[in-house]
Amino acid sequence: MGGWEERHRSLVGRLLLILVATLIVDAAGTVVVFFAERHAHESDIHTLADAFFFTTFQLLTVSSSMNNPLSTLGRSVNILLEAWGVLVIAGAAGAFASFLQDAEDS
């Protein structure tokens, strides 16, 4: 169990790719949700910090105390964020399953 094999590097590479892509999606979602919701009547999102909090929690697939977006664009982004969160969790689980399967085959 001394050194890293190719499968270790592959797992870390996949997980880093998922992390970087998610950070990019989070940043883009934050900006879009902010501009879509900042002037919406009765919206809970008024600052970039509010938008960042909302998008990050949506990507983590954890509900926050904030109301869902009210604008059509904000709602569309919300759906995409939720879908991304679920797909990333499934992708990460698949990467770990592949890693463990490769270990059994070795």
C-alpha atoms as a PDB file:
ATOM      1  CA  MET A   1       0.000   0.000   0.000  1.00  0.00           C
ATOM      2  CA  GLY A   2       3.104   2.164  -0.308  1.00  0.00           C
ATOM      3  CA  GLY A   3       2.558   4.424  -3.331  1.00  0.00           C
ATOM      4  CA  TRP A   4      -0.112   5.881  -5.494  1.00  0.00           C
ATOM      5  CA  GLU A   5      -1.156   3.877  -8.497  1.00  0.00           C
ATOM      6  CA  GLU A   6      -2.718   5.182 -11.700  1.00  0.00           C
ATOM      7  CA  ARG A   7      -6.184   4.535 -10.272  1.00  0.00           C
ATOM      8  CA  HIS A   8      -5.426   6.844  -7.319  1.00  0.00           C
ATOM      9  CA  ARG A   9      -4.355   9.628  -9.679  1.00  0.00           C
ATOM     10  CA  SER A  10      -7.442   9.017 -11.803  1.00  0.00           C
ATOM     11  CA  LEU A  11      -9.771   9.306  -8.799  1.00  0.00           C
ATOM     12  CA  VAL A  12      -8.124  12.498  -7.568  1.00  0.00           C
ATOM     13  CA  GLY A  13      -8.232  13.922 -11.092  1.00  0.00           C
ATOM     14  CA  ARG A  14     -11.939  13.182 -11.439  1.00  0.00           C
ATOM     15  CA  LEU A  15     -12.735  14.657  -8.047  1.00  0.00           C
ATOM     16  CA  LEU A  16     -10.688  17.788  -8.761  1.00  0.00           C
ATOM     17  CA  LEU A  17     -12.462  18.201 -12.100  1.00  0.00           C
ATOM     18  CA  ILE A  18     -15.816  17.932 -10.331  1.00  0.00           C
ATOM     19  CA  LEU A  19     -14.719  20.462  -7.706  1.00  0.00           C
ATOM     20  CA  VAL A  20     -13.403  23.021 -10.209  1.00  0.00           C
ATOM     21  CA  ALA A  21     -16.453  22.674 -12.475  1.00  0.00           C
ATOM     22  CA  THR A  22     -18.760  23.088  -9.482  1.00  0.00           C
ATOM     23  CA  LEU A  23     -16.922  26.217  -8.339  1.00  0.00           C
ATOM     24  CA  ILE A  24     -17.352  27.669 -11.839  1.00  0.00           C
ATOM     25  CA  VAL A  25     -21.062  26.757 -11.862  1.00  0.00           C
ATOM     26  CA  ASP A  26     -21.433  28.292  -8.393  1.00  0.00           C
ATOM     27  CA  ALA A  27     -19.791  31.559  -9.475  1.00  0.00           C
ATOM     28  CA  ALA A  28     -21.803  31.791 -12.697  1.00  0.00           C
ATOM     29  CA  GLY A  29     -25.029  30.893 -10.893  1.00  0.00           C
ATOM     30  CA  THR A  30     -24.332  33.517  -8.245  1.00  0.00           C
ATOM     31  CA  VAL A  31     -23.984  36.270 -10.836  1.00  0.00           C
ATOM     32  CA  VAL A  32     -27.033  35.230 -12.858  1.00  0.00           C
ATOM     33  CA  VAL A  33     -29.274  34.785  -9.811  1.00  0.00           C
ATOM     34  CA  PHE A  34     -28.117  38.127  -8.403  1.00  0.00           C
ATOM     35  CA  PHE A  35     -28.967  40.049 -11.577  1.00  0.00           C
ATOM     36  CA  ALA A  36     -32.244  38.149 -12.046  1.00  0.00           C
ATOM     37  CA  GLU A  37     -33.470  38.558  -8.473  1.00  0.00           C
ATOM     38  CA  ARG A  38     -32.003  41.744  -7.012  1.00  0.00           C
ATOM     39  CA  HIS A  39     -34.985  43.902  -7.974  1.00  0.00           C
ATOM     40  CA  ALA A  40     -37.697  41.228  -7.834  1.00  0.00           C
ATOM     41  CA  HIS A  41     -40.541  42.166  -5.512  1.00  0.00           C
ATOM     42  CA  GLU A  42     -40.430  40.113  -2.258  1.00  0.00           C
ATOM     43  CA  SER A  43     -37.210  38.336  -3.246  1.00  0.00           C
ATOM     44  CA  ASP A  44     -34.786  37.266  -0.528  1.00  0.00           C
ATOM     45  CA  ILE A  45     -31.806  37.873  -2.830  1.00  0.00           C
ATOM     46  CA  HIS A  46     -30.600  41.494  -2.797  1.00  0.00           C
ATOM     47  CA  THR A  47     -26.786  41.247  -2.648  1.00  0.00           C
ATOM     48  CA  LEU A  48     -24.086  39.097  -4.204  1.00  0.00           C
ATOM     49  CA  ALA A  49     -23.613  37.486  -0.798  1.00  0.00           C
ATOM     50  CA  ASP A  50     -27.300  36.499  -0.744  1.00  0.00           C
ATOM     51  CA  ALA A  51     -27.004  35.066  -4.247  1.00  0.00           C
ATOM     52  CA  PHE A  52     -23.817  33.181  -3.352  1.00  0.00           C
ATOM     53  CA  PHE A  53     -25.450  31.733  -0.241  1.00  0.00           C
ATOM     54  CA  PHE A  54     -28.496  30.654  -2.237  1.00  0.00           C
ATOM     55  CA  THR A  55     -26.596  29.070  -5.150  1.00  0.00           C
ATOM     56  CA  THR A  56     -24.134  27.287  -2.886  1.00  0.00           C
ATOM     57  CA  PHE A  57     -26.901  25.738  -0.833  1.00  0.00           C
ATOM     58  CA  GLN A  58     -28.740  24.697  -3.998  1.00  0.00           C
ATOM     59  CA  LEU A  59     -25.581  23.007  -5.297  1.00  0.00           C
ATOM     60  CA  LEU A  60     -25.190  21.212  -1.984  1.00  0.00           C
ATOM     61  CA  THR A  61     -28.806  20.070  -2.393  1.00  0.00           C
ATOM     62  CA  VAL A  62     -29.526  21.460   1.062  1.00  0.00           C
ATOM     63  CA  SER A  63     -32.558  23.652   1.624  1.00  0.00           C
ATOM     64  CA  SER A  64     -32.001  27.065   3.111  1.00  0.00           C
ATOM     65  CA  SER A  65     -34.454  29.389   4.779  1.00  0.00           C
ATOM     66  CA  MET A  66     -34.477  31.596   1.663  1.00  0.00           C
ATOM     67  CA  ASN A  67     -37.462  31.580  -0.644  1.00  0.00           C
ATOM     68  CA  ASN A  68     -36.994  30.207  -4.128  1.00  0.00           C
ATOM     69  CA  PRO A  69     -36.322  32.761  -6.875  1.00  0.00           C
ATOM     70  CA  LEU A  70     -39.301  34.676  -8.233  1.00  0.00           C
ATOM     71  CA  SER A  71     -38.122  35.596 -11.731  1.00  0.00           C
ATOM     72  CA  THR A  72     -38.322  33.172 -14.626  1.00  0.00           C
ATOM     73  CA  LEU A  73     -34.560  33.341 -15.145  1.00  0.00           C
ATOM     74  CA  GLY A  74     -33.916  32.814 -11.429  1.00  0.00           C
ATOM     75  CA  ARG A  75     -36.205  29.798 -11.380  1.00  0.00           C
ATOM     76  CA  SER A  76     -34.528  28.337 -14.455  1.00  0.00           C
ATOM     77  CA  VAL A  77     -31.093  28.743 -12.867  1.00  0.00           C
ATOM     78  CA  ASN A  78     -32.446  27.181  -9.657  1.00  0.00           C
ATOM     79  CA  ILE A  79     -33.528  24.081 -11.595  1.00  0.00           C
ATOM     80  CA  LEU A  80     -30.116  23.853 -13.283  1.00  0.00           C
ATOM     81  CA  LEU A  81     -28.325  24.218  -9.948  1.00  0.00           C
ATOM     82  CA  GLU A  82     -30.400  21.431  -8.399  1.00  0.00           C
ATOM     83  CA  ALA A  83     -29.786  19.190 -11.416  1.00  0.00           C
ATOM     84  CA  TRP A  84     -26.040  19.926 -11.267  1.00  0.00           C
ATOM     85  CA  GLY A  85     -25.951  19.093  -7.556  1.00  0.00           C
ATOM     86  CA  VAL A  86     -27.651  15.740  -8.078  1.00  0.00           C
ATOM     87  CA  LEU A  87     -25.488  14.868 -11.100  1.00  0.00           C
ATOM     88  CA  VAL A  88     -22.290  15.783  -9.260  1.00  0.00           C
ATOM     89  CA  ILE A  89     -23.215  13.609  -6.308  1.00  0.00           C
ATOM     90  CA  ALA A  90     -23.964  10.734  -8.682  1.00  0.00           C
ATOM     91  CA  GLY A  91     -20.718  11.395 -10.590  1.00  0.00           C
ATOM     92  CA  ALA A  92     -18.641  11.449  -7.426  1.00  0.00           C
ATOM     93  CA  ALA A  93     -20.292   8.237  -6.250  1.00  0.00           C
ATOM     94  CA  GLY A  94     -19.527   6.686  -9.636  1.00  0.00           C
ATOM     95  CA  ALA A  95     -15.895   7.768  -9.424  1.00  0.00           C
ATOM     96  CA  PHE A  96     -15.553   6.141  -6.003  1.00  0.00           C
ATOM     97  CA  ALA A  97     -17.339   2.987  -7.208  1.00  0.00           C
ATOM     98  CA  SER A  98     -15.007   2.767 -10.195  1.00  0.00           C
ATOM     99  CA  PHE A  99     -12.011   3.259  -7.892  1.00  0.00           C
ATOM    100  CA  LEU A 100     -13.164   0.466  -5.586  1.00  0.00           C
ATOM    101  CA  GLN A 101     -14.004  -1.818  -8.520  1.00  0.00           C
ATOM    102  CA  ASP A 102     -10.509  -1.312  -9.933  1.00  0.00           C
ATOM    103  CA  ALA A 103      -9.077  -2.224  -6.513  1.00  0.00           C
ATOM    104  CA  GLU A 104     -11.020  -5.502  -6.475  1.00  0.00           C
ATOM    105  CA  ASP A 105      -9.877  -6.363 -10.009  1.00  0.00           C
ATOM    106  CA  SER A 106      -6.227  -5.836  -9.114  1.00  0.00           C
END
